[in-house]
């Protein structure tokens, strides 16, 4: 969920400019994930991810290429990368029965032209954060990824999530939390 006053759509893309996109509306949720898996996969101390329905994410320039990498769950994570500079712009977590790539995307907030407009709604996997990171008590902190969505998600976002879950073949495993 974006802070008040953010005007959508907002744009982003990769480093070289080959892949460009627009988030047409605010995302359902923004997670700051501190798990060691995200640290390893991104090469950073955490991942800041905005979950949004695919139909609310408009491709403006060049389709990214999809690669599948291992995930902690064993099902894999499919990552959309620029075919030229290889920057990851969004991803989806897979499970053993359903590929949700067509319904929900997890946008890497750092690829937005102005990433400041999407601060986290929750810190997850804080039990695995780097010890030198000090988290503010102004944003909910969860030691793992589990929390009660009604406590963190807006009513509108919960309705949007239910709509995505109602899509043919959708599974609740991926919502509201990431499955590593």
N, C-alpha and C. Protein backbone atom coordinates (compact mmCIF):
# COMPACT_ATOMS: atom_id res chain seq x y z
N UNK A 1 0.85 -1.18 0.00
CA UNK A 1 0.00 0.00 0.00
C UNK A 1 0.89 1.23 0.00
N UNK A 2 0.56 2.17 -0.83
CA UNK A 2 1.36 3.37 -0.98
C UNK A 2 0.90 4.44 0.01
N UNK A 3 1.81 5.32 0.38
CA UNK A 3 1.41 6.44 1.23
C UNK A 3 0.41 7.34 0.51
N UNK A 4 -0.38 8.07 1.25
CA UNK A 4 -1.35 8.98 0.66
C UNK A 4 -0.63 10.00 -0.21
N UNK A 5 -1.28 10.38 -1.28
CA UNK A 5 -0.72 11.41 -2.15
C UNK A 5 0.12 10.89 -3.30
N UNK A 6 0.38 9.59 -3.36
CA UNK A 6 1.13 9.03 -4.47
C UNK A 6 0.20 8.91 -5.67
N UNK A 7 0.60 9.50 -6.78
CA UNK A 7 -0.23 9.48 -7.99
C UNK A 7 0.18 8.30 -8.87
N UNK A 8 -0.78 7.45 -9.17
CA UNK A 8 -0.55 6.31 -10.05
C UNK A 8 -1.06 6.64 -11.42
N UNK A 9 -0.44 6.10 -12.48
CA UNK A 9 0.58 5.07 -12.47
C UNK A 9 1.95 5.62 -12.08
N UNK A 10 2.80 4.69 -11.61
CA UNK A 10 4.21 4.99 -11.36
C UNK A 10 5.02 4.05 -12.24
N UNK A 11 6.18 4.52 -12.68
CA UNK A 11 6.97 3.76 -13.63
C UNK A 11 8.27 3.26 -13.03
N UNK A 12 8.81 2.25 -13.71
CA UNK A 12 10.09 1.70 -13.32
C UNK A 12 10.67 0.91 -14.47
N UNK A 13 11.83 0.31 -14.21
CA UNK A 13 12.47 -0.50 -15.24
C UNK A 13 13.86 -0.94 -14.81
N UNK A 14 14.54 -1.55 -15.75
CA UNK A 14 15.88 -2.07 -15.50
C UNK A 14 16.91 -0.95 -15.64
N UNK A 15 18.18 -1.28 -15.43
CA UNK A 15 19.26 -0.30 -15.51
C UNK A 15 19.47 0.25 -16.92
N UNK A 16 19.42 -0.61 -17.93
CA UNK A 16 19.75 -0.18 -19.29
C UNK A 16 18.56 0.47 -20.00
N UNK A 17 17.35 0.34 -19.46
CA UNK A 17 16.17 0.95 -20.06
C UNK A 17 15.45 0.09 -21.07
N UNK A 18 15.91 -1.13 -21.31
CA UNK A 18 15.25 -2.02 -22.26
C UNK A 18 13.88 -2.46 -21.76
N UNK A 19 13.76 -2.75 -20.47
CA UNK A 19 12.48 -3.16 -19.87
C UNK A 19 11.93 -1.99 -19.07
N UNK A 20 10.74 -1.56 -19.42
CA UNK A 20 10.06 -0.48 -18.71
C UNK A 20 8.65 -0.94 -18.41
N UNK A 21 8.14 -0.51 -17.26
CA UNK A 21 6.79 -0.90 -16.85
C UNK A 21 6.15 0.23 -16.07
N UNK A 22 4.84 0.11 -15.87
CA UNK A 22 4.08 1.04 -15.03
C UNK A 22 3.19 0.23 -14.10
N UNK A 23 3.19 0.60 -12.84
CA UNK A 23 2.22 0.07 -11.88
C UNK A 23 1.02 1.00 -11.98
N UNK A 24 -0.09 0.47 -12.47
CA UNK A 24 -1.26 1.30 -12.75
C UNK A 24 -2.00 1.72 -11.49
N UNK A 25 -1.88 0.91 -10.44
CA UNK A 25 -2.50 1.22 -9.14
C UNK A 25 -1.50 0.88 -8.05
N UNK A 26 -1.86 1.22 -6.84
CA UNK A 26 -0.99 0.84 -5.74
C UNK A 26 -0.96 -0.68 -5.61
N UNK A 27 0.14 -1.22 -5.09
CA UNK A 27 0.19 -2.67 -4.89
C UNK A 27 -0.71 -3.08 -3.75
N UNK A 28 -0.93 -4.39 -3.64
CA UNK A 28 -1.73 -4.91 -2.53
C UNK A 28 -0.98 -4.78 -1.22
N UNK A 29 0.33 -5.01 -1.25
CA UNK A 29 1.16 -4.99 -0.04
C UNK A 29 2.61 -4.81 -0.45
N UNK A 30 3.40 -4.23 0.44
CA UNK A 30 4.85 -4.14 0.24
C UNK A 30 5.51 -4.80 1.43
N UNK A 31 6.25 -5.88 1.15
CA UNK A 31 6.99 -6.60 2.19
C UNK A 31 8.46 -6.25 2.11
N UNK A 32 9.06 -6.03 3.24
CA UNK A 32 10.51 -5.95 3.32
C UNK A 32 10.95 -7.29 3.92
N UNK A 33 11.51 -8.15 3.07
CA UNK A 33 11.87 -9.50 3.51
C UNK A 33 13.34 -9.56 3.88
N UNK A 34 13.60 -10.01 5.09
CA UNK A 34 14.96 -10.09 5.61
C UNK A 34 15.50 -11.52 5.63
N UNK A 35 14.81 -12.46 4.99
CA UNK A 35 15.25 -13.86 5.05
C UNK A 35 16.60 -14.02 4.36
N UNK A 36 17.34 -15.02 4.78
CA UNK A 36 18.66 -15.28 4.19
C UNK A 36 18.54 -15.69 2.73
N UNK A 37 17.43 -16.31 2.36
CA UNK A 37 17.25 -16.70 0.96
C UNK A 37 17.19 -15.45 0.08
N UNK A 38 16.41 -14.44 0.48
CA UNK A 38 16.33 -13.19 -0.29
C UNK A 38 17.66 -12.45 -0.27
N UNK A 39 18.36 -12.51 0.86
CA UNK A 39 19.67 -11.88 0.92
C UNK A 39 20.61 -12.49 -0.11
N UNK A 40 20.61 -13.79 -0.18
CA UNK A 40 21.48 -14.49 -1.13
C UNK A 40 21.06 -14.22 -2.57
N UNK A 41 19.76 -14.30 -2.83
CA UNK A 41 19.26 -14.15 -4.20
C UNK A 41 19.48 -12.74 -4.73
N UNK A 42 19.36 -11.72 -3.88
CA UNK A 42 19.52 -10.34 -4.33
C UNK A 42 20.93 -9.81 -4.15
N UNK A 43 21.72 -10.46 -3.30
CA UNK A 43 23.04 -9.93 -3.00
C UNK A 43 22.96 -8.70 -2.11
N UNK A 44 21.85 -8.52 -1.43
CA UNK A 44 21.62 -7.36 -0.56
C UNK A 44 21.16 -7.84 0.81
N UNK A 45 20.97 -6.93 1.73
CA UNK A 45 20.60 -7.28 3.09
C UNK A 45 19.12 -7.58 3.28
N UNK A 46 18.30 -7.23 2.30
CA UNK A 46 16.87 -7.53 2.32
C UNK A 46 16.32 -7.30 0.92
N UNK A 47 15.09 -7.74 0.70
CA UNK A 47 14.39 -7.49 -0.56
C UNK A 47 13.13 -6.71 -0.26
N UNK A 48 12.87 -5.67 -1.01
CA UNK A 48 11.66 -4.87 -0.86
C UNK A 48 10.76 -5.19 -2.05
N UNK A 49 9.65 -5.88 -1.78
CA UNK A 49 8.79 -6.45 -2.82
C UNK A 49 7.37 -5.93 -2.71
N UNK A 50 6.82 -5.49 -3.85
CA UNK A 50 5.44 -5.01 -3.93
C UNK A 50 4.62 -6.03 -4.69
N UNK A 51 3.59 -6.59 -4.04
CA UNK A 51 2.72 -7.57 -4.68
C UNK A 51 1.58 -6.85 -5.39
N UNK A 52 1.42 -7.16 -6.69
CA UNK A 52 0.38 -6.52 -7.48
C UNK A 52 -0.14 -7.51 -8.52
N UNK A 53 -1.40 -7.38 -8.86
CA UNK A 53 -1.99 -8.22 -9.88
C UNK A 53 -1.34 -7.91 -11.23
N UNK A 54 -1.14 -8.94 -12.03
CA UNK A 54 -0.50 -8.79 -13.34
C UNK A 54 -1.25 -7.80 -14.23
N UNK A 55 -2.57 -7.80 -14.15
CA UNK A 55 -3.33 -6.90 -15.02
C UNK A 55 -3.24 -5.44 -14.58
N UNK A 56 -2.61 -5.18 -13.44
CA UNK A 56 -2.39 -3.81 -12.98
C UNK A 56 -0.94 -3.37 -13.20
N UNK A 57 -0.18 -4.20 -13.89
CA UNK A 57 1.21 -3.94 -14.21
C UNK A 57 1.32 -3.88 -15.74
N UNK A 58 1.60 -2.72 -16.28
CA UNK A 58 1.61 -2.53 -17.73
C UNK A 58 3.05 -2.51 -18.24
N UNK A 59 3.33 -3.36 -19.19
CA UNK A 59 4.63 -3.38 -19.82
C UNK A 59 4.68 -2.23 -20.82
N UNK A 60 5.69 -1.36 -20.69
CA UNK A 60 5.82 -0.19 -21.57
C UNK A 60 6.84 -0.42 -22.68
N UNK A 61 7.81 -1.26 -22.39
CA UNK A 61 8.89 -1.49 -23.35
C UNK A 61 9.50 -2.86 -23.11
N UNK A 62 9.77 -3.60 -24.08
CA UNK A 62 10.44 -4.90 -24.15
C UNK A 62 10.07 -5.87 -23.02
N UNK A 63 9.64 -7.03 -23.41
CA UNK A 63 9.27 -8.11 -22.49
C UNK A 63 10.52 -8.65 -21.80
N UNK A 64 10.47 -8.82 -20.47
CA UNK A 64 11.62 -9.43 -19.79
C UNK A 64 11.67 -10.93 -20.08
N UNK A 65 12.82 -11.52 -19.84
CA UNK A 65 12.94 -12.97 -19.98
C UNK A 65 12.75 -13.60 -18.60
N UNK A 66 12.13 -14.77 -18.58
CA UNK A 66 11.84 -15.47 -17.33
C UNK A 66 12.86 -16.58 -17.13
N UNK A 67 13.41 -16.63 -15.91
CA UNK A 67 14.27 -17.74 -15.54
C UNK A 67 13.74 -18.30 -14.23
N UNK A 68 13.92 -19.57 -14.01
CA UNK A 68 13.49 -20.19 -12.76
C UNK A 68 14.72 -20.55 -11.96
N UNK A 69 14.71 -20.12 -10.71
CA UNK A 69 15.81 -20.40 -9.79
C UNK A 69 15.28 -21.21 -8.62
N UNK A 70 16.15 -21.89 -7.88
CA UNK A 70 15.69 -22.65 -6.72
C UNK A 70 15.08 -21.73 -5.66
N UNK A 71 14.23 -22.30 -4.84
CA UNK A 71 13.67 -21.58 -3.69
C UNK A 71 13.71 -22.51 -2.50
N UNK A 72 13.58 -21.94 -1.33
CA UNK A 72 13.63 -22.73 -0.11
C UNK A 72 12.53 -23.78 -0.06
N UNK A 73 11.37 -23.47 -0.65
CA UNK A 73 10.25 -24.42 -0.64
C UNK A 73 10.51 -25.62 -1.55
N UNK A 74 11.47 -25.46 -2.47
CA UNK A 74 11.75 -26.51 -3.43
C UNK A 74 10.96 -26.37 -4.72
N UNK A 75 9.94 -25.51 -4.73
CA UNK A 75 9.10 -25.34 -5.92
C UNK A 75 9.70 -24.39 -6.94
N UNK A 76 10.57 -23.51 -6.52
CA UNK A 76 11.22 -22.57 -7.43
C UNK A 76 10.62 -21.18 -7.40
N UNK A 77 11.38 -20.26 -7.91
CA UNK A 77 10.95 -18.88 -8.07
C UNK A 77 11.25 -18.50 -9.51
N UNK A 78 10.27 -17.95 -10.19
CA UNK A 78 10.45 -17.51 -11.56
C UNK A 78 10.70 -16.00 -11.52
N UNK A 79 11.82 -15.58 -12.10
CA UNK A 79 12.25 -14.19 -12.05
C UNK A 79 12.26 -13.60 -13.45
N UNK A 80 11.64 -12.42 -13.60
CA UNK A 80 11.64 -11.70 -14.86
C UNK A 80 12.83 -10.75 -14.87
N UNK A 81 13.73 -10.96 -15.82
CA UNK A 81 14.95 -10.16 -15.92
C UNK A 81 15.05 -9.51 -17.28
N UNK A 82 15.71 -8.37 -17.32
CA UNK A 82 15.98 -7.72 -18.60
C UNK A 82 16.88 -8.63 -19.41
N UNK A 83 16.55 -8.86 -20.69
CA UNK A 83 17.39 -9.74 -21.50
C UNK A 83 18.78 -9.16 -21.77
N UNK A 84 18.93 -7.85 -21.61
CA UNK A 84 20.22 -7.21 -21.88
C UNK A 84 21.07 -7.04 -20.62
N UNK A 85 20.55 -6.32 -19.60
CA UNK A 85 21.37 -6.03 -18.41
C UNK A 85 21.15 -7.02 -17.28
N UNK A 86 20.14 -7.90 -17.41
CA UNK A 86 19.85 -9.00 -16.47
C UNK A 86 19.31 -8.54 -15.12
N UNK A 87 18.90 -7.29 -14.98
CA UNK A 87 18.30 -6.81 -13.74
C UNK A 87 16.95 -7.47 -13.54
N UNK A 88 16.69 -7.95 -12.32
CA UNK A 88 15.39 -8.55 -11.97
C UNK A 88 14.40 -7.43 -11.72
N UNK A 89 13.27 -7.45 -12.44
CA UNK A 89 12.25 -6.41 -12.26
C UNK A 89 11.04 -6.92 -11.47
N UNK A 90 10.72 -8.21 -11.61
CA UNK A 90 9.66 -8.81 -10.80
C UNK A 90 9.86 -10.31 -10.77
N UNK A 91 9.07 -10.96 -9.92
CA UNK A 91 9.17 -12.41 -9.80
C UNK A 91 7.84 -12.98 -9.36
N UNK A 92 7.77 -14.31 -9.38
CA UNK A 92 6.65 -15.04 -8.82
C UNK A 92 7.21 -16.28 -8.14
N UNK A 93 6.58 -16.67 -7.05
CA UNK A 93 6.93 -17.93 -6.41
C UNK A 93 6.03 -19.01 -6.97
N UNK A 94 6.60 -20.16 -7.22
CA UNK A 94 5.88 -21.28 -7.79
C UNK A 94 5.54 -22.27 -6.70
N UNK A 95 4.56 -23.12 -6.96
CA UNK A 95 4.34 -24.26 -6.08
C UNK A 95 4.29 -25.49 -6.97
N UNK A 96 4.07 -26.61 -6.40
CA UNK A 96 4.15 -27.85 -7.17
C UNK A 96 2.95 -28.10 -8.07
N UNK A 97 1.86 -27.35 -7.90
CA UNK A 97 0.68 -27.62 -8.70
C UNK A 97 0.25 -26.45 -9.58
N UNK A 98 0.60 -25.22 -9.22
CA UNK A 98 0.09 -24.07 -9.95
C UNK A 98 1.18 -23.04 -10.18
N UNK A 99 1.21 -22.47 -11.35
CA UNK A 99 2.08 -21.35 -11.66
C UNK A 99 1.22 -20.09 -11.62
N UNK A 100 1.51 -19.18 -10.71
CA UNK A 100 0.67 -17.99 -10.56
C UNK A 100 1.19 -16.80 -11.36
N UNK A 101 2.13 -17.03 -12.26
CA UNK A 101 2.75 -15.95 -13.04
C UNK A 101 1.73 -15.07 -13.74
N UNK A 102 0.62 -15.63 -14.14
CA UNK A 102 -0.35 -14.86 -14.89
C UNK A 102 -1.26 -14.00 -14.02
N UNK A 103 -1.24 -14.14 -12.70
CA UNK A 103 -2.16 -13.39 -11.83
C UNK A 103 -1.49 -12.39 -10.90
N UNK A 104 -0.36 -12.76 -10.31
CA UNK A 104 0.29 -11.90 -9.31
C UNK A 104 1.76 -11.77 -9.66
N UNK A 105 2.28 -10.57 -9.56
CA UNK A 105 3.71 -10.34 -9.73
C UNK A 105 4.24 -9.66 -8.48
N UNK A 106 5.47 -9.96 -8.17
CA UNK A 106 6.15 -9.38 -7.02
C UNK A 106 7.22 -8.44 -7.57
N UNK A 107 6.89 -7.15 -7.62
CA UNK A 107 7.75 -6.15 -8.22
C UNK A 107 8.87 -5.77 -7.26
N UNK A 108 10.08 -5.73 -7.78
CA UNK A 108 11.23 -5.27 -7.01
C UNK A 108 11.14 -3.75 -6.91
N UNK A 109 10.85 -3.26 -5.71
CA UNK A 109 10.61 -1.83 -5.51
C UNK A 109 11.82 -1.00 -5.93
N UNK A 110 13.01 -1.53 -5.78
CA UNK A 110 14.22 -0.81 -6.18
C UNK A 110 14.30 -0.52 -7.67
N UNK A 111 13.45 -1.16 -8.49
CA UNK A 111 13.46 -0.88 -9.93
C UNK A 111 12.53 0.26 -10.31
N UNK A 112 11.78 0.79 -9.35
CA UNK A 112 10.92 1.95 -9.63
C UNK A 112 11.78 3.18 -9.86
N UNK A 113 11.31 4.09 -10.70
CA UNK A 113 12.03 5.34 -10.92
C UNK A 113 12.16 6.12 -9.61
N UNK A 114 11.14 6.03 -8.77
CA UNK A 114 11.18 6.66 -7.45
C UNK A 114 10.77 5.62 -6.41
N UNK A 115 11.71 4.79 -5.96
CA UNK A 115 11.35 3.73 -5.02
C UNK A 115 10.90 4.24 -3.64
N UNK A 116 11.16 5.51 -3.35
CA UNK A 116 10.76 6.09 -2.07
C UNK A 116 9.25 6.08 -1.86
N UNK A 117 8.47 5.99 -2.96
CA UNK A 117 7.01 6.08 -2.85
C UNK A 117 6.37 4.80 -2.31
N UNK A 118 7.14 3.70 -2.22
CA UNK A 118 6.57 2.44 -1.72
C UNK A 118 7.39 1.89 -0.54
N UNK A 119 7.23 2.51 0.63
CA UNK A 119 7.90 1.96 1.81
C UNK A 119 7.21 0.66 2.23
N UNK A 120 7.85 -0.14 3.06
CA UNK A 120 7.24 -1.41 3.46
C UNK A 120 6.03 -1.24 4.36
N UNK A 121 5.06 -2.15 4.17
CA UNK A 121 3.92 -2.24 5.08
C UNK A 121 4.21 -3.20 6.21
N UNK A 122 5.21 -4.06 6.02
CA UNK A 122 5.59 -5.04 7.04
C UNK A 122 7.01 -5.52 6.77
N UNK A 123 7.72 -5.78 7.85
CA UNK A 123 9.02 -6.44 7.79
C UNK A 123 8.77 -7.91 8.12
N UNK A 124 9.21 -8.80 7.22
CA UNK A 124 9.05 -10.23 7.47
C UNK A 124 10.41 -10.89 7.56
N UNK A 125 10.44 -12.04 8.20
CA UNK A 125 11.67 -12.78 8.47
C UNK A 125 12.70 -11.93 9.21
N UNK A 126 12.22 -11.11 10.13
CA UNK A 126 13.13 -10.26 10.92
C UNK A 126 14.09 -11.10 11.76
N UNK A 127 13.73 -12.34 12.03
CA UNK A 127 14.62 -13.22 12.79
C UNK A 127 15.92 -13.50 12.03
N UNK A 128 15.93 -13.27 10.71
CA UNK A 128 17.12 -13.53 9.90
C UNK A 128 17.77 -12.26 9.38
N UNK A 129 17.31 -11.09 9.85
CA UNK A 129 17.87 -9.84 9.36
C UNK A 129 19.33 -9.69 9.80
N UNK A 130 20.05 -8.86 9.09
CA UNK A 130 21.41 -8.56 9.48
C UNK A 130 21.37 -7.85 10.84
N UNK A 131 22.25 -8.22 11.75
CA UNK A 131 22.17 -7.69 13.12
C UNK A 131 22.38 -6.18 13.22
N UNK A 132 22.99 -5.56 12.24
CA UNK A 132 23.24 -4.13 12.29
C UNK A 132 22.05 -3.31 11.76
N UNK A 133 21.03 -3.97 11.23
CA UNK A 133 19.84 -3.26 10.76
C UNK A 133 18.92 -3.02 11.95
N UNK A 134 18.56 -1.77 12.15
CA UNK A 134 17.65 -1.37 13.23
C UNK A 134 16.30 -1.03 12.59
N UNK A 135 15.27 -1.76 12.98
CA UNK A 135 13.94 -1.55 12.42
C UNK A 135 13.14 -0.59 13.28
N UNK A 136 12.37 0.26 12.62
CA UNK A 136 11.49 1.20 13.30
C UNK A 136 10.26 0.46 13.81
N UNK A 137 9.74 0.89 14.93
CA UNK A 137 8.51 0.29 15.45
C UNK A 137 7.27 0.89 14.77
N UNK A 138 7.45 1.73 13.76
CA UNK A 138 6.33 2.33 13.04
C UNK A 138 5.77 1.41 11.96
N UNK A 139 6.50 0.34 11.64
CA UNK A 139 6.06 -0.64 10.66
C UNK A 139 6.03 -2.00 11.36
N UNK A 140 4.96 -2.77 11.18
CA UNK A 140 4.89 -4.08 11.86
C UNK A 140 6.09 -4.98 11.51
N UNK A 141 6.56 -5.69 12.51
CA UNK A 141 7.72 -6.58 12.37
C UNK A 141 7.29 -7.99 12.73
N UNK A 142 7.60 -8.93 11.84
CA UNK A 142 7.26 -10.34 12.06
C UNK A 142 8.54 -11.16 11.99
N UNK A 143 8.73 -12.04 12.95
CA UNK A 143 9.95 -12.83 13.01
C UNK A 143 10.08 -13.82 11.86
N UNK A 144 8.96 -14.26 11.31
CA UNK A 144 8.96 -15.08 10.09
C UNK A 144 7.96 -14.42 9.14
N UNK A 145 7.51 -15.14 8.13
CA UNK A 145 6.61 -14.52 7.17
C UNK A 145 5.15 -14.57 7.57
N UNK A 146 4.82 -15.27 8.62
CA UNK A 146 3.42 -15.46 8.99
C UNK A 146 2.87 -14.29 9.81
N UNK A 147 1.72 -13.84 9.37
CA UNK A 147 0.98 -12.84 10.14
C UNK A 147 -0.47 -12.88 9.69
N UNK A 148 -1.31 -12.24 10.46
CA UNK A 148 -2.73 -12.16 10.13
C UNK A 148 -2.90 -11.03 9.11
N UNK A 149 -3.27 -11.38 7.89
CA UNK A 149 -3.39 -10.40 6.82
C UNK A 149 -4.34 -9.26 7.19
N UNK A 150 -5.39 -9.56 7.93
CA UNK A 150 -6.36 -8.52 8.31
C UNK A 150 -5.72 -7.44 9.19
N UNK A 151 -4.60 -7.76 9.85
CA UNK A 151 -3.91 -6.79 10.69
C UNK A 151 -3.00 -5.87 9.89
N UNK A 152 -2.63 -6.27 8.68
CA UNK A 152 -1.63 -5.53 7.91
C UNK A 152 -2.17 -5.00 6.59
N UNK A 153 -2.93 -5.82 5.89
CA UNK A 153 -3.45 -5.44 4.57
C UNK A 153 -4.65 -4.52 4.71
N UNK A 154 -4.84 -3.61 3.76
CA UNK A 154 -6.04 -2.78 3.75
C UNK A 154 -7.23 -3.64 3.33
N UNK A 155 -8.43 -3.15 3.62
CA UNK A 155 -9.64 -3.88 3.23
C UNK A 155 -9.68 -4.07 1.71
N UNK A 156 -9.34 -3.03 0.96
CA UNK A 156 -9.33 -3.12 -0.50
C UNK A 156 -8.32 -4.17 -0.97
N UNK A 157 -7.14 -4.19 -0.36
CA UNK A 157 -6.12 -5.17 -0.75
C UNK A 157 -6.57 -6.59 -0.45
N UNK A 158 -7.24 -6.78 0.67
CA UNK A 158 -7.77 -8.12 0.99
C UNK A 158 -8.80 -8.56 -0.06
N UNK A 159 -9.64 -7.63 -0.50
CA UNK A 159 -10.63 -7.96 -1.54
C UNK A 159 -9.93 -8.29 -2.85
N UNK A 160 -8.90 -7.54 -3.18
CA UNK A 160 -8.14 -7.83 -4.39
C UNK A 160 -7.47 -9.21 -4.29
N UNK A 161 -6.93 -9.52 -3.12
CA UNK A 161 -6.31 -10.83 -2.91
C UNK A 161 -7.33 -11.94 -3.11
N UNK A 162 -8.52 -11.76 -2.54
CA UNK A 162 -9.57 -12.76 -2.72
C UNK A 162 -9.91 -12.94 -4.20
N UNK A 163 -9.92 -11.85 -4.94
CA UNK A 163 -10.18 -11.93 -6.37
C UNK A 163 -9.10 -12.73 -7.09
N UNK A 164 -7.87 -12.53 -6.72
CA UNK A 164 -6.77 -13.29 -7.32
C UNK A 164 -6.85 -14.76 -6.94
N UNK A 165 -7.22 -15.03 -5.70
CA UNK A 165 -7.37 -16.41 -5.24
C UNK A 165 -8.52 -17.11 -5.95
N UNK A 166 -9.55 -16.34 -6.32
CA UNK A 166 -10.71 -16.93 -6.97
C UNK A 166 -10.43 -17.27 -8.44
N UNK A 167 -9.34 -16.72 -8.99
CA UNK A 167 -8.98 -17.03 -10.37
C UNK A 167 -8.74 -18.51 -10.52
N UNK A 168 -9.04 -19.02 -11.68
CA UNK A 168 -8.90 -20.45 -11.94
C UNK A 168 -7.50 -20.93 -11.58
N UNK A 169 -7.43 -21.93 -10.72
CA UNK A 169 -6.16 -22.55 -10.36
C UNK A 169 -5.36 -21.82 -9.32
N UNK A 170 -5.83 -20.67 -8.85
CA UNK A 170 -5.05 -19.93 -7.86
C UNK A 170 -5.01 -20.70 -6.55
N UNK A 171 -3.92 -20.53 -5.82
CA UNK A 171 -3.79 -21.17 -4.52
C UNK A 171 -3.46 -20.13 -3.47
N UNK A 172 -3.89 -20.37 -2.28
CA UNK A 172 -3.64 -19.45 -1.18
C UNK A 172 -2.21 -19.55 -0.67
N UNK A 173 -1.46 -20.54 -1.07
CA UNK A 173 -0.11 -20.72 -0.55
C UNK A 173 0.74 -19.47 -0.74
N UNK A 174 0.55 -18.73 -1.81
CA UNK A 174 1.39 -17.59 -2.11
C UNK A 174 0.90 -16.30 -1.48
N UNK A 175 -0.27 -16.29 -0.92
CA UNK A 175 -0.84 -15.07 -0.39
C UNK A 175 -1.27 -15.26 1.04
N UNK A 176 -1.03 -14.34 1.94
CA UNK A 176 -0.46 -13.05 1.67
C UNK A 176 1.06 -13.01 1.69
N UNK A 177 1.70 -14.11 1.95
CA UNK A 177 3.13 -14.11 2.20
C UNK A 177 3.88 -14.81 1.08
N UNK A 178 5.15 -14.52 1.01
CA UNK A 178 6.01 -15.18 0.05
C UNK A 178 6.33 -16.57 0.57
N UNK A 179 6.42 -17.53 -0.32
CA UNK A 179 6.86 -18.86 0.05
C UNK A 179 8.24 -19.04 -0.55
N UNK A 180 9.21 -19.18 0.29
CA UNK A 180 10.59 -19.25 -0.19
C UNK A 180 10.97 -20.62 -0.67
